[in-house]
Amino acid sequence: MVLQRLAGAARGELAKTRLRRIEEYDRGHSSHYLETLRIHLSSFGDPTRASALLGIHTNTLRYRLGRIRDLFGIDVGLEDERLALLIEFRLAELNHI
């Protein structure tokens, strides 16, 4: 499953759908889920560091991660999911998505 998603990401399809979907939701709801996800992943899952970088309380970070799971089906507690997301973010940066 993850490898299939990564294969799609290599063609730019996954990064366009999952990350764009979050980005569009953020725009429509004045939320910050995409930034939260990016910072959380770049902080290697350290909630204290991610919270500090985002300027929010650790509980707010946990709430947002829960909402990301509920809204988009993304569970950052899964190692394969984190890897796939890191690759998607990199591909999105390369493709200017």
C-alpha atoms as a PDB file:
ATOM      1  CA  MET A   1       0.000   0.000   0.000  1.00  0.00           C
ATOM      2  CA  VAL A   2       2.660   2.518   1.013  1.00  0.00           C
ATOM      3  CA  LEU A   3       4.863   1.568  -1.921  1.00  0.00           C
ATOM      4  CA  GLN A   4       1.960   2.087  -4.298  1.00  0.00           C
ATOM      5  CA  ARG A   5       1.357   5.541  -2.829  1.00  0.00           C
ATOM      6  CA  LEU A   6       5.051   6.375  -3.164  1.00  0.00           C
ATOM      7  CA  ALA A   7       5.036   5.222  -6.765  1.00  0.00           C
ATOM      8  CA  GLY A   8       2.165   7.637  -7.376  1.00  0.00           C
ATOM      9  CA  ALA A   9       4.059  10.347  -5.520  1.00  0.00           C
ATOM     10  CA  ALA A  10       7.006   9.849  -7.845  1.00  0.00           C
ATOM     11  CA  ARG A  11       4.682  10.908 -10.640  1.00  0.00           C
ATOM     12  CA  GLY A  12       3.491  13.834  -8.547  1.00  0.00           C
ATOM     13  CA  GLU A  13      -0.022  12.434  -8.136  1.00  0.00           C
ATOM     14  CA  LEU A  14      -0.018  11.759  -4.411  1.00  0.00           C
ATOM     15  CA  ALA A  15       1.669  14.969  -3.401  1.00  0.00           C
ATOM     16  CA  LYS A  16      -0.895  16.850  -5.455  1.00  0.00           C
ATOM     17  CA  THR A  17      -3.817  15.108  -3.831  1.00  0.00           C
ATOM     18  CA  ARG A  18      -3.034  14.590  -0.140  1.00  0.00           C
ATOM     19  CA  LEU A  19      -0.998  17.717   0.469  1.00  0.00           C
ATOM     20  CA  ARG A  20      -3.209  19.875  -1.711  1.00  0.00           C
ATOM     21  CA  ARG A  21      -6.291  18.576   0.028  1.00  0.00           C
ATOM     22  CA  ILE A  22      -4.865  19.668   3.370  1.00  0.00           C
ATOM     23  CA  GLU A  23      -3.727  22.982   1.926  1.00  0.00           C
ATOM     24  CA  GLU A  24      -7.177  23.661   0.484  1.00  0.00           C
ATOM     25  CA  TYR A  25      -8.815  22.742   3.776  1.00  0.00           C
ATOM     26  CA  ASP A  26      -6.472  25.129   5.605  1.00  0.00           C
ATOM     27  CA  ARG A  27      -7.365  27.955   3.235  1.00  0.00           C
ATOM     28  CA  GLY A  28     -11.087  27.349   3.596  1.00  0.00           C
ATOM     29  CA  HIS A  29     -11.042  26.958   7.379  1.00  0.00           C
ATOM     30  CA  SER A  30      -8.150  29.230   8.431  1.00  0.00           C
ATOM     31  CA  SER A  31      -6.445  26.211   9.967  1.00  0.00           C
ATOM     32  CA  HIS A  32      -2.761  25.299   9.999  1.00  0.00           C
ATOM     33  CA  TYR A  33      -2.761  21.546   9.499  1.00  0.00           C
ATOM     34  CA  LEU A  34      -0.265  21.402   6.623  1.00  0.00           C
ATOM     35  CA  GLU A  35       2.291  23.517   8.492  1.00  0.00           C
ATOM     36  CA  THR A  36       1.674  21.481  11.660  1.00  0.00           C
ATOM     37  CA  LEU A  37       2.264  18.258   9.779  1.00  0.00           C
ATOM     38  CA  ARG A  38       5.426  19.544   8.091  1.00  0.00           C
ATOM     39  CA  ILE A  39       6.927  20.888  11.322  1.00  0.00           C
ATOM     40  CA  HIS A  40       5.997  17.756  13.278  1.00  0.00           C
ATOM     41  CA  LEU A  41       7.726  15.540  10.725  1.00  0.00           C
ATOM     42  CA  SER A  42      10.793  17.762  10.475  1.00  0.00           C
ATOM     43  CA  SER A  43      11.045  17.683  14.277  1.00  0.00           C
ATOM     44  CA  PHE A  44      11.286  13.868  14.176  1.00  0.00           C
ATOM     45  CA  GLY A  45       8.030  13.597  16.106  1.00  0.00           C
ATOM     46  CA  ASP A  46       9.340  15.542  19.109  1.00  0.00           C
ATOM     47  CA  PRO A  47       6.204  17.316  20.381  1.00  0.00           C
ATOM     48  CA  THR A  48       8.142  19.795  22.539  1.00  0.00           C
ATOM     49  CA  ARG A  49      10.311  20.934  19.644  1.00  0.00           C
ATOM     50  CA  ALA A  50       7.443  21.000  17.136  1.00  0.00           C
ATOM     51  CA  SER A  51       5.239  22.969  19.537  1.00  0.00           C
ATOM     52  CA  ALA A  52       7.988  25.504  20.142  1.00  0.00           C
ATOM     53  CA  LEU A  53       8.608  25.956  16.412  1.00  0.00           C
ATOM     54  CA  LEU A  54       4.893  26.405  15.789  1.00  0.00           C
ATOM     55  CA  GLY A  55       4.459  28.706  18.790  1.00  0.00           C
ATOM     56  CA  ILE A  56       1.663  26.581  20.240  1.00  0.00           C
ATOM     57  CA  HIS A  57       1.102  24.476  23.358  1.00  0.00           C
ATOM     58  CA  THR A  58       1.971  20.779  23.136  1.00  0.00           C
ATOM     59  CA  ASN A  59      -1.672  19.863  23.723  1.00  0.00           C
ATOM     60  CA  THR A  60      -2.651  22.027  20.756  1.00  0.00           C
ATOM     61  CA  LEU A  61      -0.154  20.123  18.634  1.00  0.00           C
ATOM     62  CA  ARG A  62      -1.621  16.814  19.754  1.00  0.00           C
ATOM     63  CA  TYR A  63      -5.134  18.100  19.028  1.00  0.00           C
ATOM     64  CA  ARG A  64      -4.118  19.158  15.518  1.00  0.00           C
ATOM     65  CA  LEU A  65      -2.469  15.807  14.815  1.00  0.00           C
ATOM     66  CA  GLY A  66      -5.660  14.101  15.935  1.00  0.00           C
ATOM     67  CA  ARG A  67      -7.701  16.302  13.618  1.00  0.00           C
ATOM     68  CA  ILE A  68      -5.326  15.520  10.743  1.00  0.00           C
ATOM     69  CA  ARG A  69      -5.945  11.823  11.401  1.00  0.00           C
ATOM     70  CA  ASP A  70      -9.715  12.328  11.582  1.00  0.00           C
ATOM     71  CA  LEU A  71     -10.043  14.641   8.587  1.00  0.00           C
ATOM     72  CA  PHE A  72      -7.482  13.199   6.208  1.00  0.00           C
ATOM     73  CA  GLY A  73      -6.818   9.653   7.419  1.00  0.00           C
ATOM     74  CA  ILE A  74      -3.166  10.436   8.106  1.00  0.00           C
ATOM     75  CA  ASP A  75      -1.777   8.711  11.191  1.00  0.00           C
ATOM     76  CA  VAL A  76       1.671  10.081  12.034  1.00  0.00           C
ATOM     77  CA  GLY A  77       2.001   7.334  14.628  1.00  0.00           C
ATOM     78  CA  LEU A  78       2.704   4.886  11.802  1.00  0.00           C
ATOM     79  CA  GLU A  79       6.315   4.688  10.678  1.00  0.00           C
ATOM     80  CA  ASP A  80       5.468   3.992   7.024  1.00  0.00           C
ATOM     81  CA  GLU A  81       3.057   6.926   7.000  1.00  0.00           C
ATOM     82  CA  ARG A  82       5.745   9.279   8.308  1.00  0.00           C
ATOM     83  CA  LEU A  83       8.196   8.097   5.677  1.00  0.00           C
ATOM     84  CA  ALA A  84       5.649   8.496   2.894  1.00  0.00           C
ATOM     85  CA  LEU A  85       4.746  11.990   4.091  1.00  0.00           C
ATOM     86  CA  LEU A  86       8.382  13.085   4.281  1.00  0.00           C
ATOM     87  CA  ILE A  87       8.864  11.957   0.697  1.00  0.00           C
ATOM     88  CA  GLU A  88       5.631  13.644  -0.388  1.00  0.00           C
ATOM     89  CA  PHE A  89       6.716  16.939   1.154  1.00  0.00           C
ATOM     90  CA  ARG A  90      10.093  16.706  -0.588  1.00  0.00           C
ATOM     91  CA  LEU A  91       8.467  15.932  -3.922  1.00  0.00           C
ATOM     92  CA  ALA A  92       6.045  18.796  -3.434  1.00  0.00           C
ATOM     93  CA  GLU A  93       8.958  21.153  -2.775  1.00  0.00           C
ATOM     94  CA  LEU A  94      10.730  19.931  -5.897  1.00  0.00           C
ATOM     95  CA  ASN A  95       7.580  20.293  -7.974  1.00  0.00           C
ATOM     96  CA  HIS A  96       6.634  23.619  -6.344  1.00  0.00           C
ATOM     97  CA  ILE A  97       3.273  22.278  -5.254  1.00  0.00           C
END
